[in-house]
Amino acid sequence: MLFLGLIVICLYLNEFTLAFTPKTVWGPSAVFTDSKIYITGGLQPKNPNNFDGLTFSNEFYYLDVKQPIVIKVGEPLPWKELSSQGLPDHAWSAFSNCGLDDSLILYIGENNTFIANFVYIYGISSKQWNSIATTNPPLSNFHSQTQTVCDVKTRKMYRFGGMLPSSPENKYNYNLDILDASTLVWEIVNAPEQRFDHTGTLLRNGNIVYIGGTIHDNGVNSLADMLKLPLYNTYDNKWTSMTTTGYSPARRACHSAVLTQDGRIIVYGGCDADIAAVNDDLVILDTSQTVYTWSKANVISATDPPLPRCYHTATLVGDHMIVLFGRDNTQLSNETFILDTSDKSNYKWVSEFDPNPKPSTQNKNVIIGIIISSIVLALVGSSVLIYFYRKRKLSKADKFVHVPQIN
């Protein structure tokens, strides 16, 4: 009994030791695969009140979304820490599984040393990071503050633009850099402009839609037009543009964008040039039509809505968008928020997420009604068949007339 008790205590202490709370960061990278949201990197200040003394992070952890998530004030989510041994500190990095089996690929965006070997592979089963060499790599120090798109069918990563804060002046990338994750060979494609702090979303027709961000032109930075959007087609490798219709969203940078199954790009958050929050923080771009259409989301809340933010992550899990971390111009945020996107007419901030929702009362009634109707129809059908079977049997019997024998 004593031995068994010691085992129980050890298991309890081990579980307690594994409890993990991420540091407050902005600019992390996230990827969703195998029912887990993996997160790594980001920036954090030594003093969260004034953002002094910025440092890079190499933290690596995940949130398992196979289980229900309930957000309660003061209670941490069930984060699990993973080993970051061999991984440098970094922020604004490209992070994806990109169709790879049992692996995640990380393309460093910005760090303290601007190392030459800036692509890393994480083995999900081996739980180890390894740096890898690539062929014809672009300049590694131009890819901060931009988003990477991955085509899992071709295993190609597309990273457009970017900016590196440096002295005496910032540096900007005016290329679209493409990494084939199968061959580890880079292809460099010219881009129409120098842009950073934008989002990129890959549609089913092969178009990558780039939204928002900041454009650098002739030494001047300005927020990008939200109504005329650059498109890059991954099938014919050509740049075009799309002039949208509908609502006119506020210009923004440092926002997030996720794509729903029916072709809606949900754009959340973002800041202006002074890192002040935009006033319409949830807007929708419908890409299901020939001409893309903007609308402002009608938002209802079953819980307190999040404060405006930028430099966060947003991940779509089923019909729920999970928002993590971020900042505004005054404070950091290590909170988590969940948006139910299932109803296009009413987007709802909720405090719970269940990957296997139970049927509602209305659905239960419908199911019960269907079952009862099926049983009734089966009984009626069986009765009809039995009736005609017996009638046919009696009809055959009437054909045989008994003739008495005459002696």
Protein backbone atom coordinates (compact mmCIF):
# COMPACT_ATOMS: atom_id res chain seq x y z
CA MET A 1 0.00 0.00 0.00
CA LEU A 2 2.83 2.37 0.86
CA PHE A 3 4.50 1.66 -2.49
CA LEU A 4 1.22 2.26 -4.33
CA GLY A 5 0.74 5.52 -2.46
CA LEU A 6 4.24 6.68 -3.46
CA ILE A 7 3.45 5.92 -7.10
CA VAL A 8 0.27 7.99 -6.95
CA ILE A 9 2.14 10.89 -5.32
CA CYS A 10 4.89 10.74 -7.96
CA LEU A 11 2.34 10.76 -10.76
CA TYR A 12 0.60 13.74 -9.20
CA LEU A 13 3.87 15.65 -8.80
CA ASN A 14 4.86 14.81 -12.36
CA GLU A 15 1.56 16.15 -13.69
CA PHE A 16 2.01 19.24 -11.56
CA THR A 17 5.52 19.74 -12.91
CA LEU A 18 4.27 19.48 -16.48
CA ALA A 19 1.83 22.33 -15.94
CA PHE A 20 2.94 25.20 -18.17
CA THR A 21 1.94 28.84 -18.59
CA PRO A 22 3.33 30.64 -21.66
CA LYS A 23 4.96 34.00 -21.18
CA THR A 24 3.03 36.96 -22.51
CA VAL A 25 4.19 37.45 -26.10
CA TRP A 26 3.24 39.06 -29.37
CA GLY A 27 4.40 38.09 -32.81
CA PRO A 28 4.38 34.30 -32.17
CA SER A 29 3.87 31.69 -34.88
CA ALA A 30 1.14 29.05 -34.80
CA VAL A 31 0.23 25.95 -36.81
CA PHE A 32 -2.77 23.63 -36.46
CA THR A 33 -2.23 19.94 -37.13
CA ASP A 34 -3.37 16.64 -35.63
CA SER A 35 -5.92 18.41 -33.38
CA LYS A 36 -3.19 20.51 -31.75
CA ILE A 37 -2.30 24.19 -32.00
CA TYR A 38 1.51 24.41 -31.86
CA ILE A 39 3.01 27.80 -30.97
CA THR A 40 6.58 29.04 -30.88
CA GLY A 41 8.57 32.25 -30.64
CA GLY A 42 7.47 35.84 -30.32
CA LEU A 43 8.55 39.01 -28.56
CA GLN A 44 8.22 40.04 -24.95
CA PRO A 45 9.28 43.15 -23.03
CA LYS A 46 11.02 43.02 -19.69
CA ASN A 47 8.50 45.59 -18.50
CA PRO A 48 5.00 44.89 -19.89
CA ASN A 49 3.86 48.39 -18.93
CA ASN A 50 6.15 50.30 -21.26
CA PHE A 51 7.54 47.66 -23.68
CA ASP A 52 11.15 48.41 -22.76
CA GLY A 53 13.90 45.84 -23.22
CA LEU A 54 12.40 43.63 -25.93
CA THR A 55 13.62 40.05 -26.02
CA PHE A 56 12.96 37.19 -28.42
CA SER A 57 11.52 33.88 -27.25
CA ASN A 58 12.10 30.28 -28.32
CA GLU A 59 9.28 28.81 -26.22
CA PHE A 60 7.52 25.89 -27.86
CA TYR A 61 4.21 24.46 -26.65
CA TYR A 62 0.81 23.29 -27.80
CA LEU A 63 -2.89 23.31 -26.95
CA ASP A 64 -4.79 20.07 -27.50
CA VAL A 65 -8.20 20.88 -28.99
CA LYS A 66 -9.46 17.30 -29.09
CA GLN A 67 -10.81 18.04 -25.63
CA PRO A 68 -13.37 20.73 -24.73
CA ILE A 69 -11.95 24.14 -23.79
CA VAL A 70 -13.58 26.32 -21.16
CA ILE A 71 -12.25 29.83 -20.61
CA LYS A 72 -12.46 31.06 -17.04
CA VAL A 73 -10.93 34.22 -15.63
CA GLY A 74 -7.77 33.45 -13.69
CA GLU A 75 -7.60 29.82 -14.80
CA PRO A 76 -4.88 28.80 -17.30
CA LEU A 77 -5.55 26.67 -20.33
CA PRO A 78 -4.06 23.14 -20.43
CA TRP A 79 -0.89 24.12 -22.30
CA LYS A 80 1.81 21.48 -22.77
CA GLU A 81 5.44 22.55 -23.05
CA LEU A 82 7.72 20.92 -25.62
CA SER A 83 11.47 20.95 -25.97
CA SER A 84 12.99 23.93 -27.78
CA GLN A 85 16.55 22.63 -27.50
CA GLY A 86 18.50 23.61 -30.60
CA LEU A 87 15.96 26.26 -31.59
CA PRO A 88 17.11 29.91 -31.54
CA ASP A 89 15.04 32.76 -30.15
CA HIS A 90 12.85 34.20 -32.89
CA ALA A 91 9.68 36.08 -33.85
CA TRP A 92 7.39 36.44 -36.90
CA SER A 93 8.54 33.12 -38.29
CA ALA A 94 6.84 30.90 -40.86
CA PHE A 95 5.47 27.77 -39.21
CA SER A 96 3.66 24.94 -41.00
CA ASN A 97 3.51 21.21 -41.54
CA CYS A 98 3.17 21.97 -45.27
CA GLY A 99 2.00 18.47 -46.13
CA LEU A 100 4.99 16.83 -44.45
CA ASP A 101 4.52 13.54 -42.61
CA ASP A 102 5.11 13.76 -38.86
CA SER A 103 7.07 17.02 -39.18
CA LEU A 104 6.74 20.77 -38.76
CA ILE A 105 8.86 23.25 -40.69
CA LEU A 106 9.95 26.60 -39.26
CA TYR A 107 11.40 29.44 -41.30
CA ILE A 108 12.95 32.02 -38.95
CA GLY A 109 11.64 35.54 -39.45
CA GLU A 110 13.74 37.64 -37.09
CA ASN A 111 16.17 37.01 -34.25
CA ASN A 112 19.20 38.49 -32.56
CA THR A 113 21.91 36.93 -34.68
CA PHE A 114 20.42 36.64 -38.19
CA ILE A 115 21.88 33.17 -38.57
CA ALA A 116 22.57 31.72 -42.01
CA ASN A 117 20.84 28.39 -41.36
CA PHE A 118 17.37 29.72 -40.72
CA VAL A 119 15.14 26.73 -41.61
CA TYR A 120 14.37 24.14 -38.93
CA ILE A 121 12.44 20.87 -38.90
CA TYR A 122 10.63 19.53 -35.83
CA GLY A 123 9.94 15.80 -35.66
CA ILE A 124 6.57 15.32 -33.96
CA SER A 125 7.37 11.72 -32.97
CA SER A 126 11.04 12.26 -32.14
CA LYS A 127 10.30 15.58 -30.38
CA GLN A 128 13.53 17.07 -31.70
CA TRP A 129 14.50 20.22 -33.61
CA ASN A 130 17.12 20.09 -36.38
CA SER A 131 18.46 22.83 -38.63
CA ILE A 132 18.46 21.99 -42.33
CA ALA A 133 20.36 23.35 -45.31
CA THR A 134 18.43 24.71 -48.29
CA THR A 135 19.42 25.53 -51.86
CA ASN A 136 19.42 29.09 -53.24
CA PRO A 137 18.14 30.68 -50.00
CA PRO A 138 16.95 34.31 -49.96
CA LEU A 139 18.33 36.87 -47.54
CA SER A 140 17.20 35.64 -44.14
CA ASN A 141 17.01 39.06 -42.54
CA PHE A 142 14.20 40.43 -44.72
CA HIS A 143 11.32 38.25 -43.55
CA SER A 144 10.26 39.76 -40.27
CA GLN A 145 6.67 40.88 -39.89
CA THR A 146 5.09 38.95 -42.73
CA GLN A 147 2.93 35.85 -43.09
CA THR A 148 3.70 32.64 -44.94
CA VAL A 149 1.19 30.59 -46.91
CA CYS A 150 1.62 26.86 -47.47
CA ASP A 151 0.08 24.74 -50.21
CA VAL A 152 -0.12 21.25 -48.67
CA LYS A 153 -0.77 19.69 -52.10
CA THR A 154 2.50 20.90 -53.63
CA ARG A 155 4.35 21.28 -50.30
CA LYS A 156 5.42 24.80 -51.22
CA MET A 157 5.70 27.70 -48.78
CA TYR A 158 5.05 31.23 -50.10
CA ARG A 159 6.49 34.19 -48.17
CA PHE A 160 5.85 37.64 -49.61
CA GLY A 161 7.55 40.84 -48.47
CA GLY A 162 8.72 41.58 -44.98
CA MET A 163 10.68 44.19 -43.08
CA LEU A 164 13.68 44.17 -40.80
CA PRO A 165 14.08 47.00 -38.26
CA SER A 166 17.73 48.02 -38.45
CA SER A 167 20.07 50.99 -38.23
CA PRO A 168 20.51 53.46 -39.83
CA GLU A 169 17.35 52.54 -41.75
CA ASN A 170 14.94 49.65 -42.03
CA LYS A 171 15.34 47.03 -44.73
CA TYR A 172 12.49 45.77 -46.90
CA ASN A 173 11.92 42.72 -49.07
CA TYR A 174 10.33 43.17 -52.49
CA ASN A 175 10.25 39.49 -53.48
CA LEU A 176 7.98 36.50 -53.13
CA ASP A 177 10.21 33.71 -51.82
CA ILE A 178 8.99 30.14 -52.40
CA LEU A 179 10.40 27.11 -50.58
CA ASP A 180 9.66 23.61 -51.85
CA ALA A 181 9.49 21.64 -48.59
CA SER A 182 10.07 18.37 -50.47
CA THR A 183 13.28 19.36 -52.26
CA LEU A 184 14.35 22.23 -49.94
CA VAL A 185 15.00 24.42 -52.99
CA TRP A 186 14.07 28.11 -53.01
CA GLU A 187 12.58 30.04 -55.92
CA ILE A 188 12.68 33.85 -55.91
CA VAL A 189 9.82 35.70 -57.68
CA ASN A 190 9.53 39.45 -58.18
CA ALA A 191 6.65 41.13 -56.33
CA PRO A 192 4.73 44.29 -57.28
CA GLU A 193 5.56 46.16 -54.06
CA GLN A 194 7.34 46.12 -50.71
CA ARG A 195 4.80 45.16 -48.04
CA PHE A 196 4.90 43.93 -44.43
CA ASP A 197 2.54 43.25 -41.48
CA HIS A 198 -0.05 41.82 -43.91
CA THR A 199 -1.85 38.48 -44.16
CA GLY A 200 -1.92 35.92 -46.95
CA THR A 201 -4.73 33.40 -47.50
CA LEU A 202 -4.67 30.56 -50.05
CA LEU A 203 -7.99 29.88 -51.80
CA ARG A 204 -9.07 26.64 -53.46
CA ASN A 205 -8.63 28.20 -56.92
CA GLY A 206 -4.91 28.68 -56.27
CA ASN A 207 -5.06 32.41 -55.55
CA ILE A 208 -3.24 33.79 -52.53
CA VAL A 209 -5.13 36.85 -51.29
CA TYR A 210 -2.95 39.44 -49.55
CA ILE A 211 -4.83 41.75 -47.20
CA GLY A 212 -3.75 44.92 -45.42
CA GLY A 213 -0.34 45.63 -44.01
CA THR A 214 2.06 48.49 -44.65
CA ILE A 215 3.55 49.44 -48.02
CA HIS A 216 7.02 50.96 -48.31
CA ASP A 217 7.32 53.24 -51.34
CA ASN A 218 10.04 55.82 -52.00
CA GLY A 219 11.06 55.94 -48.37
CA VAL A 220 7.49 56.39 -47.08
CA ASN A 221 5.40 53.83 -45.17
CA SER A 222 1.61 53.89 -45.54
CA LEU A 223 -1.19 51.46 -44.73
CA ALA A 224 -2.28 49.37 -47.70
CA ASP A 225 -5.59 49.80 -49.49
CA MET A 226 -8.16 47.29 -48.23
CA LEU A 227 -10.35 47.59 -51.35
CA LYS A 228 -7.77 46.72 -54.01
CA LEU A 229 -6.01 43.48 -53.10
CA PRO A 230 -2.97 41.83 -54.72
CA LEU A 231 -3.43 38.20 -55.75
CA TYR A 232 -0.78 35.64 -56.62
CA ASN A 233 -1.93 32.53 -58.47
CA THR A 234 0.05 29.42 -57.56
CA TYR A 235 -1.08 27.60 -60.73
CA ASP A 236 0.22 30.02 -63.37
CA ASN A 237 2.62 31.96 -61.07
CA LYS A 238 1.20 35.35 -62.04
CA TRP A 239 0.34 38.47 -60.05
CA THR A 240 -3.06 40.14 -60.52
CA SER A 241 -5.27 42.38 -58.39
CA MET A 242 -8.87 42.31 -57.21
CA THR A 243 -11.02 45.41 -56.74
CA THR A 244 -13.55 44.46 -54.08
CA THR A 245 -17.10 45.69 -53.49
CA GLY A 246 -19.31 46.19 -50.45
CA TYR A 247 -18.20 47.56 -47.10
CA SER A 248 -15.03 49.67 -46.86
CA PRO A 249 -12.93 48.34 -43.95
CA ALA A 250 -10.51 50.55 -42.07
CA ARG A 251 -6.94 50.17 -43.23
CA ARG A 252 -4.91 48.00 -40.89
CA ALA A 253 -1.75 46.03 -40.26
CA CYS A 254 -0.72 43.29 -37.82
CA HIS A 255 -4.15 41.61 -38.05
CA SER A 256 -5.10 37.97 -38.61
CA ALA A 257 -7.06 36.15 -41.32
CA VAL A 258 -8.60 32.67 -41.47
CA LEU A 259 -10.51 30.93 -44.27
CA THR A 260 -13.81 29.10 -43.74
CA GLN A 261 -15.05 26.13 -45.78
CA ASP A 262 -17.51 28.31 -47.70
CA GLY A 263 -14.89 30.85 -48.83
CA ARG A 264 -15.15 33.56 -46.17
CA ILE A 265 -11.91 35.21 -45.08
CA ILE A 266 -12.46 36.37 -41.50
CA VAL A 267 -10.17 39.30 -40.75
CA TYR A 268 -9.77 40.09 -37.08
CA GLY A 269 -8.01 42.87 -35.21
CA GLY A 270 -5.18 44.97 -36.51
CA CYS A 271 -3.70 48.36 -35.78
CA ASP A 272 -3.06 51.63 -37.54
CA ALA A 273 0.35 53.21 -38.10
CA ASP A 274 0.57 54.18 -34.41
CA ILE A 275 -0.36 50.64 -33.24
CA ALA A 276 -3.74 51.96 -32.14
CA ALA A 277 -6.59 49.50 -32.59
CA VAL A 278 -8.94 49.77 -35.56
CA ASN A 279 -12.61 50.47 -34.83
CA ASP A 280 -14.04 47.68 -37.02
CA ASP A 281 -12.03 44.78 -35.71
CA LEU A 282 -14.05 41.98 -37.36
CA VAL A 283 -14.68 42.18 -41.10
CA ILE A 284 -15.48 39.48 -43.66
CA LEU A 285 -14.28 39.06 -47.24
CA ASP A 286 -16.55 36.74 -49.26
CA THR A 287 -14.43 35.11 -51.98
CA SER A 288 -17.12 32.69 -53.20
CA GLN A 289 -18.20 35.09 -55.98
CA THR A 290 -16.28 36.31 -59.02
CA VAL A 291 -15.84 39.72 -57.39
CA TYR A 292 -14.89 39.55 -53.72
CA THR A 293 -17.20 41.38 -51.32
CA TRP A 294 -16.47 42.98 -47.94
CA SER A 295 -18.94 43.15 -45.07
CA LYS A 296 -18.77 44.16 -41.43
CA ALA A 297 -19.56 41.24 -39.15
CA ASN A 298 -22.63 41.38 -36.96
CA VAL A 299 -21.22 40.33 -33.60
CA ILE A 300 -23.07 39.05 -30.56
CA SER A 301 -21.43 37.80 -27.40
CA ALA A 302 -22.19 35.04 -24.95
CA THR A 303 -19.16 36.27 -23.01
CA ASP A 304 -17.14 39.46 -22.68
CA PRO A 305 -15.74 40.33 -26.13
CA PRO A 306 -11.98 40.67 -26.43
CA LEU A 307 -10.24 43.99 -26.27
CA PRO A 308 -8.86 45.13 -29.63
CA ARG A 309 -5.49 43.64 -30.43
CA CYS A 310 -2.79 43.09 -33.04
CA TYR A 311 0.24 40.82 -33.49
CA HIS A 312 -1.89 37.90 -32.25
CA THR A 313 -2.56 34.47 -33.75
CA ALA A 314 -5.90 33.16 -35.02
CA THR A 315 -6.57 29.51 -35.82
CA LEU A 316 -9.75 28.06 -37.27
CA VAL A 317 -10.77 24.75 -35.68
CA GLY A 318 -13.97 23.55 -37.30
CA ASP A 319 -16.35 26.51 -37.05
CA HIS A 320 -14.47 28.17 -34.18
CA MET A 321 -11.69 30.75 -34.49
CA ILE A 322 -9.31 30.58 -31.52
CA VAL A 323 -7.47 33.87 -30.87
CA LEU A 324 -4.29 33.81 -28.78
CA PHE A 325 -1.99 36.49 -27.34
CA GLY A 326 -1.24 39.85 -28.99
CA ARG A 327 -0.96 43.48 -27.91
CA ASP A 328 -2.20 47.01 -28.53
CA ASN A 329 -0.38 50.31 -28.06
CA THR A 330 -0.60 50.15 -24.26
CA GLN A 331 -0.50 46.55 -23.06
CA LEU A 332 0.12 42.91 -23.84
CA SER A 333 -2.52 40.20 -23.75
CA ASN A 334 -2.08 36.56 -22.80
CA GLU A 335 -5.80 35.88 -22.95
CA THR A 336 -7.63 33.44 -25.19
CA PHE A 337 -10.87 34.16 -27.04
CA ILE A 338 -13.11 31.95 -29.16
CA LEU A 339 -15.34 33.11 -32.02
CA ASP A 340 -18.18 30.91 -33.29
CA THR A 341 -18.30 31.49 -37.08
CA SER A 342 -20.99 28.94 -37.97
CA ASP A 343 -23.76 31.55 -38.45
CA LYS A 344 -22.82 34.03 -41.20
CA SER A 345 -25.45 36.46 -39.94
CA ASN A 346 -24.34 36.42 -36.30
CA TYR A 347 -20.75 35.87 -35.21
CA LYS A 348 -20.59 35.02 -31.52
CA TRP A 349 -17.79 35.31 -28.94
CA VAL A 350 -18.10 32.30 -26.64
CA SER A 351 -16.29 30.99 -23.58
CA GLU A 352 -16.48 27.29 -24.46
CA PHE A 353 -15.34 25.11 -27.31
CA ASP A 354 -16.34 21.47 -27.73
CA PRO A 355 -14.87 19.58 -30.71
CA ASN A 356 -17.63 16.97 -30.31
CA PRO A 357 -20.75 19.00 -29.53
CA LYS A 358 -23.76 17.21 -28.12
CA PRO A 359 -27.02 17.49 -30.07
CA SER A 360 -29.17 20.42 -29.01
CA THR A 361 -32.68 19.89 -27.62
CA GLN A 362 -34.14 20.84 -30.98
CA ASN A 363 -31.86 18.40 -32.79
CA LYS A 364 -32.71 15.68 -30.27
CA ASN A 365 -36.42 16.22 -30.92
CA VAL A 366 -35.82 16.00 -34.67
CA ILE A 367 -33.82 12.79 -34.25
CA ILE A 368 -36.50 11.28 -31.99
CA GLY A 369 -39.18 12.26 -34.51
CA ILE A 370 -37.26 10.63 -37.34
CA ILE A 371 -36.79 7.43 -35.34
CA ILE A 372 -40.48 7.23 -34.37
CA SER A 373 -41.57 7.96 -37.96
CA SER A 374 -39.23 5.26 -39.25
CA ILE A 375 -40.64 2.74 -36.77
CA VAL A 376 -44.24 3.63 -37.68
CA LEU A 377 -43.50 3.37 -41.42
CA ALA A 378 -41.78 0.04 -40.87
CA LEU A 379 -44.77 -1.30 -38.92
CA VAL A 380 -47.25 -0.05 -41.52
CA GLY A 381 -45.16 -1.48 -44.35
CA SER A 382 -44.85 -4.83 -42.58
CA SER A 383 -48.61 -4.93 -41.93
CA VAL A 384 -49.37 -4.23 -45.60
CA LEU A 385 -46.98 -6.96 -46.74
CA ILE A 386 -48.45 -9.47 -44.28
CA TYR A 387 -52.01 -8.56 -45.39
CA PHE A 388 -51.28 -9.10 -49.08
CA TYR A 389 -49.30 -12.26 -48.37
CA ARG A 390 -52.20 -13.81 -46.46
CA LYS A 391 -54.73 -12.67 -49.03
CA ARG A 392 -52.71 -14.24 -51.82
CA LYS A 393 -52.36 -17.46 -49.86
CA LEU A 394 -56.13 -17.67 -49.28
CA SER A 395 -56.79 -16.95 -52.95
CA LYS A 396 -54.62 -19.88 -53.98
CA ALA A 397 -56.39 -22.15 -51.51
CA ASP A 398 -59.80 -21.32 -53.03
CA LYS A 399 -58.68 -22.72 -56.40
CA PHE A 400 -58.52 -26.25 -54.98
CA VAL A 401 -62.15 -27.50 -54.71
CA HIS A 402 -62.72 -30.77 -52.86
CA VAL A 403 -64.68 -33.27 -55.04
CA PRO A 404 -66.25 -36.09 -53.01
CA GLN A 405 -65.53 -39.63 -54.30
CA ILE A 406 -68.52 -41.70 -55.72
CA ASN A 407 -68.50 -45.36 -54.90
